[in-house]
């Protein structure tokens, strides 16, 4: 059984109660937030705890700053870069061990969303608890809400939700965010545009690595689950085990024939490498990783959440360095 599924079954019973408790605290304790573009908030860069599952912040915000809450810290990182001195950012999920699917909002997270002028999350089913927090806020109608998967990348429910593995996403998101901030704060519209441009320039190592590793012809690889799919498309890699990976995504056991087919591909070295999401393992996947090691098939390790001590570019380029090593 998938590790994520085991975790979900253990957490489900308490999730509804925890969310209700958070919202009750929100209703009773957040009325003094005032103008949702001013007052106190938290900023990711100067970390103070703002939520029990890894939200970080920096104490009281300066008056006049636009308060932004990002569900995931890699989206918060971009918000800090684009907003610069004019925003105060809280990222709710900062622990690399937190599962965004199962995150239970804390009272502090509920309060942060209630007081935010801008709320950013992935969407298309990935982190819908963020939408619930928005809906529970008495200021929901006044918020600028950015759902990166749908608003920026034009994805819809049922599409692969891991859009941050698309190397085009963060640059497009930076421009989109700059436009929205410019509407909220026209006096600094040019600053936001320039800061988005600077952020996009910082993506150069990733862009260059993708261009260098893109295959002239589709190269067969296998994956433990779909988190890497958008990057695979960018590199012109052909994923051979669609049925196996979708079983993992849907949290069901893969069919025996799909496991056997993947085992044969590994033993026969019919794939260039195997991509393993180390945060969503299972005995079946671990057996495949072991088999790859025995068969001389490289394993590229990926994660769904930002590793501790890394920014987005370092995260992605480290993975691409593994891909480079696998292809050498």
Protein backbone atom coordinates (compact mmCIF):
# COMPACT_ATOMS: atom_id res chain seq x y z
CA UNK A 1 0.00 0.00 0.00
CA UNK A 2 1.21 3.51 -0.85
CA UNK A 3 2.82 5.40 2.05
CA UNK A 4 0.70 8.46 1.34
CA UNK A 5 -2.47 6.36 1.50
CA UNK A 6 -1.45 4.91 4.85
CA UNK A 7 -0.84 8.42 6.13
CA UNK A 8 -4.18 9.66 4.81
CA UNK A 9 -6.10 6.88 6.50
CA UNK A 10 -4.44 7.68 9.81
CA UNK A 11 -5.08 11.42 9.49
CA UNK A 12 -8.56 11.53 7.97
CA UNK A 13 -10.45 11.03 11.19
CA UNK A 14 -8.92 14.13 12.77
CA UNK A 15 -8.80 16.36 9.72
CA UNK A 16 -12.40 17.56 9.83
CA UNK A 17 -12.23 18.31 13.55
CA UNK A 18 -8.93 20.16 13.17
CA UNK A 19 -10.25 22.30 10.31
CA UNK A 20 -13.43 23.10 12.22
CA UNK A 21 -11.39 24.09 15.26
CA UNK A 22 -9.20 26.32 13.12
CA UNK A 23 -12.19 28.06 11.61
CA UNK A 24 -13.87 28.55 14.97
CA UNK A 25 -10.71 30.26 16.22
CA UNK A 26 -10.69 32.31 13.03
CA UNK A 27 -14.24 33.42 13.56
CA UNK A 28 -13.66 34.42 17.17
CA UNK A 29 -10.11 35.78 17.00
CA UNK A 30 -9.58 37.42 13.61
CA UNK A 31 -12.10 40.21 13.65
CA UNK A 32 -9.48 42.81 14.48
CA UNK A 33 -7.48 42.29 11.30
CA UNK A 34 -8.55 45.64 9.85
CA UNK A 35 -7.56 46.50 6.29
CA UNK A 36 -6.30 43.26 4.80
CA UNK A 37 -3.47 45.01 2.98
CA UNK A 38 -2.00 46.49 6.16
CA UNK A 39 -1.14 45.58 9.74
CA UNK A 40 0.58 42.51 11.15
CA UNK A 41 1.59 39.41 9.23
CA UNK A 42 4.49 37.07 8.64
CA UNK A 43 7.32 36.92 6.14
CA UNK A 44 9.03 33.75 5.06
CA UNK A 45 12.58 35.12 4.92
CA UNK A 46 12.76 36.02 8.62
CA UNK A 47 11.32 32.86 10.05
CA UNK A 48 9.00 32.81 13.03
CA UNK A 49 6.52 29.95 13.33
CA UNK A 50 3.09 30.87 12.03
CA UNK A 51 1.55 27.44 11.76
CA UNK A 52 1.97 23.97 13.19
CA UNK A 53 2.90 22.27 9.91
CA UNK A 54 5.74 24.52 8.96
CA UNK A 55 4.27 27.94 8.21
CA UNK A 56 6.95 30.55 8.72
CA UNK A 57 6.96 34.26 9.17
CA UNK A 58 8.75 37.24 10.55
CA UNK A 59 6.55 38.75 13.22
CA UNK A 60 4.71 42.01 12.67
CA UNK A 61 4.55 43.36 9.14
CA UNK A 62 5.27 46.97 8.34
CA UNK A 63 2.17 49.06 7.76
CA UNK A 64 1.35 49.45 4.09
CA UNK A 65 2.79 46.14 2.89
CA UNK A 66 0.59 43.79 0.91
CA UNK A 67 0.01 40.63 2.88
CA UNK A 68 0.49 37.46 0.84
CA UNK A 69 -0.13 33.88 1.93
CA UNK A 70 1.27 31.06 -0.20
CA UNK A 71 0.20 27.50 0.46
CA UNK A 72 3.58 26.09 -0.63
CA UNK A 73 6.92 27.66 0.15
CA UNK A 74 8.24 27.45 -3.41
CA UNK A 75 5.34 29.69 -4.46
CA UNK A 76 6.06 31.91 -1.47
CA UNK A 77 9.69 32.21 -2.59
CA UNK A 78 8.58 33.73 -5.89
CA UNK A 79 6.13 36.05 -4.12
CA UNK A 80 8.98 37.41 -1.98
CA UNK A 81 11.17 37.96 -5.04
CA UNK A 82 8.46 39.69 -7.08
CA UNK A 83 6.95 41.68 -4.22
CA UNK A 84 10.25 42.72 -2.66
CA UNK A 85 10.02 45.41 0.01
CA UNK A 86 6.33 46.04 -0.66
CA UNK A 87 4.95 42.68 0.49
CA UNK A 88 4.89 40.49 3.56
CA UNK A 89 4.76 36.78 2.75
CA UNK A 90 3.65 33.81 4.83
CA UNK A 91 4.22 30.30 3.45
CA UNK A 92 2.05 27.70 5.13
CA UNK A 93 3.90 24.55 4.06
CA UNK A 94 7.63 24.80 4.70
CA UNK A 95 8.51 21.41 6.14
CA UNK A 96 9.86 19.00 3.51
CA UNK A 97 8.03 16.24 5.37
CA UNK A 98 4.57 17.84 5.16
CA UNK A 99 2.11 16.25 2.75
CA UNK A 100 0.21 19.05 0.99
CA UNK A 101 -2.72 16.72 0.36
CA UNK A 102 -3.19 16.08 4.08
CA UNK A 103 -2.23 19.41 5.59
CA UNK A 104 -4.45 20.32 8.54
CA UNK A 105 -4.74 24.10 8.82
CA UNK A 106 -3.81 25.53 12.20
CA UNK A 107 -5.54 28.52 13.81
CA UNK A 108 -2.52 30.64 12.84
CA UNK A 109 -2.81 29.50 9.22
CA UNK A 110 -6.51 30.37 9.22
CA UNK A 111 -5.76 33.78 10.67
CA UNK A 112 -3.01 34.41 8.11
CA UNK A 113 -5.36 33.61 5.22
CA UNK A 114 -8.11 35.76 6.72
CA UNK A 115 -5.79 38.76 6.97
CA UNK A 116 -4.12 38.30 3.57
CA UNK A 117 -4.87 40.44 0.55
CA UNK A 118 -3.36 37.83 -1.80
CA UNK A 119 -3.63 34.05 -1.40
CA UNK A 120 -1.66 31.74 -3.67
CA UNK A 121 -2.03 27.99 -3.94
CA UNK A 122 -1.59 25.26 -6.52
CA UNK A 123 -5.21 24.25 -7.11
CA UNK A 124 -6.81 21.55 -9.31
CA UNK A 125 -7.31 19.31 -6.29
CA UNK A 126 -3.81 19.45 -4.86
CA UNK A 127 -4.32 21.74 -1.86
CA UNK A 128 -8.05 22.46 -1.73
CA UNK A 129 -7.85 23.14 1.99
CA UNK A 130 -6.52 26.55 0.95
CA UNK A 131 -9.74 27.31 -0.91
CA UNK A 132 -11.72 26.23 2.16
CA UNK A 133 -9.78 28.68 4.31
CA UNK A 134 -10.48 31.45 1.80
CA UNK A 135 -14.18 30.59 1.70
CA UNK A 136 -14.32 30.63 5.51
CA UNK A 137 -12.93 34.14 5.68
CA UNK A 138 -15.32 37.04 6.04
CA UNK A 139 -13.05 38.93 3.65
CA UNK A 140 -13.03 36.31 0.88
CA UNK A 141 -14.57 38.65 -1.70
CA UNK A 142 -11.79 41.20 -1.18
CA UNK A 143 -8.88 38.82 -1.79
CA UNK A 144 -6.80 38.35 -4.91
CA UNK A 145 -6.61 34.57 -5.29
CA UNK A 146 -4.06 32.94 -7.57
CA UNK A 147 -4.41 29.25 -8.38
CA UNK A 148 -1.14 28.61 -10.16
CA UNK A 149 -2.16 25.42 -11.97
CA UNK A 150 -5.33 26.83 -13.49
CA UNK A 151 -4.82 30.61 -13.56
CA UNK A 152 -1.20 30.60 -14.72
CA UNK A 153 -0.75 27.26 -16.49
CA UNK A 154 -4.31 26.73 -17.78
CA UNK A 155 -4.62 23.27 -16.22
CA UNK A 156 -7.93 21.87 -15.09
CA UNK A 157 -9.21 19.29 -12.64
CA UNK A 158 -7.97 15.86 -13.70
CA UNK A 159 -4.71 17.18 -15.18
CA UNK A 160 -1.37 16.42 -13.58
CA UNK A 161 -1.26 18.75 -10.59
CA UNK A 162 2.52 18.95 -10.15
CA UNK A 163 2.93 22.01 -12.35
CA UNK A 164 6.03 23.32 -10.53
CA UNK A 165 7.98 20.54 -12.28
CA UNK A 166 7.22 22.29 -15.56
CA UNK A 167 10.29 24.52 -16.05
CA UNK A 168 8.06 27.23 -17.60
CA UNK A 169 5.77 27.57 -14.59
CA UNK A 170 7.74 29.80 -12.23
CA UNK A 171 8.59 32.41 -14.84
CA UNK A 172 4.98 32.65 -16.00
CA UNK A 173 3.80 32.76 -12.40
CA UNK A 174 6.23 35.59 -11.61
CA UNK A 175 4.82 37.68 -14.46
CA UNK A 176 1.24 36.86 -13.48
CA UNK A 177 1.88 37.82 -9.87
CA UNK A 178 3.60 41.06 -10.87
CA UNK A 179 0.54 42.01 -12.88
CA UNK A 180 -1.81 41.31 -9.96
CA UNK A 181 0.35 43.18 -7.47
CA UNK A 182 0.55 46.10 -9.88
CA UNK A 183 -3.22 46.29 -9.90
CA UNK A 184 -3.36 46.32 -6.11
CA UNK A 185 -0.49 48.80 -5.81
CA UNK A 186 -0.22 50.87 -9.01
CA UNK A 187 2.45 53.15 -7.52
CA UNK A 188 4.90 50.23 -7.59
CA UNK A 189 3.72 48.51 -10.75
CA UNK A 190 7.04 49.05 -12.50
CA UNK A 191 8.93 47.73 -9.49
CA UNK A 192 6.94 44.51 -9.51
CA UNK A 193 7.53 44.04 -13.24
CA UNK A 194 11.26 44.65 -12.84
CA UNK A 195 11.49 42.30 -9.88
CA UNK A 196 9.66 39.60 -11.83
CA UNK A 197 12.18 40.08 -14.62
CA UNK A 198 15.04 39.73 -12.14
CA UNK A 199 13.51 36.56 -10.75
CA UNK A 200 13.16 35.08 -14.23
CA UNK A 201 16.83 35.78 -14.86
CA UNK A 202 17.62 33.78 -11.72
CA UNK A 203 15.99 30.79 -13.41
CA UNK A 204 18.77 30.73 -16.05
CA UNK A 205 20.63 27.72 -14.55
CA UNK A 206 17.43 25.68 -14.74
CA UNK A 207 16.59 26.84 -18.25
CA UNK A 208 20.11 26.06 -19.45
CA UNK A 209 20.12 22.62 -17.82
CA UNK A 210 16.80 21.72 -19.44
CA UNK A 211 18.05 22.86 -22.86
CA UNK A 212 21.27 20.89 -22.43
CA UNK A 213 19.51 17.67 -21.39
CA UNK A 214 16.61 17.76 -23.86
CA UNK A 215 16.81 14.64 -25.99
CA UNK A 216 16.74 14.76 -29.77
CA UNK A 217 14.61 11.62 -29.81
CA UNK A 218 12.20 10.41 -27.08
CA UNK A 219 14.17 8.49 -24.47
CA UNK A 220 12.35 5.78 -22.47
CA UNK A 221 12.30 6.13 -18.69
CA UNK A 222 10.06 4.80 -15.92
CA UNK A 223 8.71 6.63 -12.87
CA UNK A 224 7.33 5.60 -9.50
CA UNK A 225 4.52 8.18 -9.76
CA UNK A 226 3.65 11.29 -11.82
CA UNK A 227 5.41 14.09 -9.93
CA UNK A 228 8.21 14.28 -12.54
CA UNK A 229 5.99 14.13 -15.64
CA UNK A 230 6.17 17.78 -16.72
CA UNK A 231 9.94 17.79 -16.48
CA UNK A 232 10.04 14.54 -18.42
CA UNK A 233 8.04 16.20 -21.20
CA UNK A 234 10.41 19.17 -21.22
CA UNK A 235 13.38 16.80 -21.59
CA UNK A 236 11.67 14.71 -24.29
CA UNK A 237 11.61 11.62 -22.10
CA UNK A 238 9.03 8.95 -22.85
CA UNK A 239 7.48 7.44 -19.73
CA UNK A 240 6.91 3.74 -20.29
CA UNK A 241 4.89 2.78 -17.19
CA UNK A 242 1.78 4.97 -17.32
CA UNK A 243 -0.49 2.36 -15.72
CA UNK A 244 1.95 1.72 -12.88
CA UNK A 245 2.45 5.41 -12.10
CA UNK A 246 -1.29 6.17 -12.19
CA UNK A 247 -1.97 3.41 -9.70
CA UNK A 248 0.44 5.16 -7.35
CA UNK A 249 -1.22 8.52 -8.00
CA UNK A 250 -4.68 7.08 -7.37
CA UNK A 251 -3.40 5.29 -4.28
CA UNK A 252 -4.29 1.80 -5.49
CA UNK A 253 -2.10 -1.25 -5.86
CA UNK A 254 -0.61 -1.59 -9.36
CA UNK A 255 -1.74 -4.59 -11.37
CA UNK A 256 0.62 -7.59 -11.21
CA UNK A 257 1.11 -7.50 -14.97
CA UNK A 258 2.15 -3.85 -14.83
CA UNK A 259 4.69 -4.62 -12.12
CA UNK A 260 6.01 -7.56 -14.12
CA UNK A 261 6.32 -5.44 -17.26
CA UNK A 262 8.27 -2.78 -15.39
CA UNK A 263 10.52 -5.39 -13.82
CA UNK A 264 11.29 -6.77 -17.28
CA UNK A 265 12.12 -3.27 -18.57
CA UNK A 266 14.53 -2.75 -15.69
CA UNK A 267 16.20 -6.14 -15.98
CA UNK A 268 16.51 -5.73 -19.74
CA UNK A 269 17.83 -2.17 -19.39
CA UNK A 270 15.07 -0.98 -21.70
CA UNK A 271 14.84 2.30 -19.79
CA UNK A 272 17.53 4.94 -19.36
CA UNK A 273 16.72 5.44 -15.67
CA UNK A 274 14.02 5.03 -13.04
CA UNK A 275 12.60 8.15 -11.32
CA UNK A 276 11.67 7.54 -7.69
CA UNK A 277 9.68 9.97 -5.56
CA UNK A 278 11.32 9.21 -2.22
CA UNK A 279 8.41 10.80 -0.33
CA UNK A 280 5.80 8.39 -1.66
CA UNK A 281 7.44 5.01 -1.39
CA UNK A 282 6.00 1.53 -0.89
CA UNK A 283 7.41 -2.00 -0.67
CA UNK A 284 6.65 -2.47 -4.38
CA UNK A 285 8.53 0.68 -5.36
CA UNK A 286 11.44 -0.16 -3.06
CA UNK A 287 11.73 -3.57 -4.70
CA UNK A 288 11.92 -1.85 -8.08
CA UNK A 289 14.61 0.53 -6.81
CA UNK A 290 16.58 -2.46 -5.50
CA UNK A 291 16.13 -4.26 -8.81
CA UNK A 292 17.38 -1.19 -10.69
CA UNK A 293 20.50 -1.15 -8.54
CA UNK A 294 21.12 -4.84 -9.20
CA UNK A 295 20.52 -4.37 -12.93
CA UNK A 296 22.72 -1.31 -13.41
CA UNK A 297 19.82 1.04 -14.14
CA UNK A 298 20.35 4.49 -12.59
CA UNK A 299 17.77 5.82 -10.13
CA UNK A 300 16.95 9.54 -10.08
CA UNK A 301 15.48 10.61 -6.75
CA UNK A 302 12.87 13.38 -6.67
CA UNK A 303 10.66 14.93 -4.02
CA UNK A 304 7.26 16.57 -4.07
CA UNK A 305 8.19 19.29 -1.58
CA UNK A 306 11.13 21.68 -1.43
CA UNK A 307 14.07 20.09 0.41
CA UNK A 308 15.37 21.89 3.48
CA UNK A 309 18.06 24.46 2.78
CA UNK A 310 17.37 24.76 -0.96
CA UNK A 311 15.57 27.24 -3.14
CA UNK A 312 13.53 26.27 -6.18
CA UNK A 313 16.37 26.56 -8.71
CA UNK A 314 18.77 24.52 -6.57
CA UNK A 315 16.07 21.88 -6.07
CA UNK A 316 15.37 21.44 -9.75
CA UNK A 317 18.96 21.70 -10.95
CA UNK A 318 20.08 19.13 -8.38
CA UNK A 319 17.54 16.73 -9.85
CA UNK A 320 18.73 17.52 -13.35
CA UNK A 321 22.30 16.85 -12.25
CA UNK A 322 21.14 13.35 -11.35
CA UNK A 323 19.58 13.04 -14.80
CA UNK A 324 22.87 14.14 -16.37
CA UNK A 325 24.77 11.54 -14.36
CA UNK A 326 22.27 8.87 -15.35
CA UNK A 327 22.77 9.68 -19.03
CA UNK A 328 26.58 9.82 -18.92
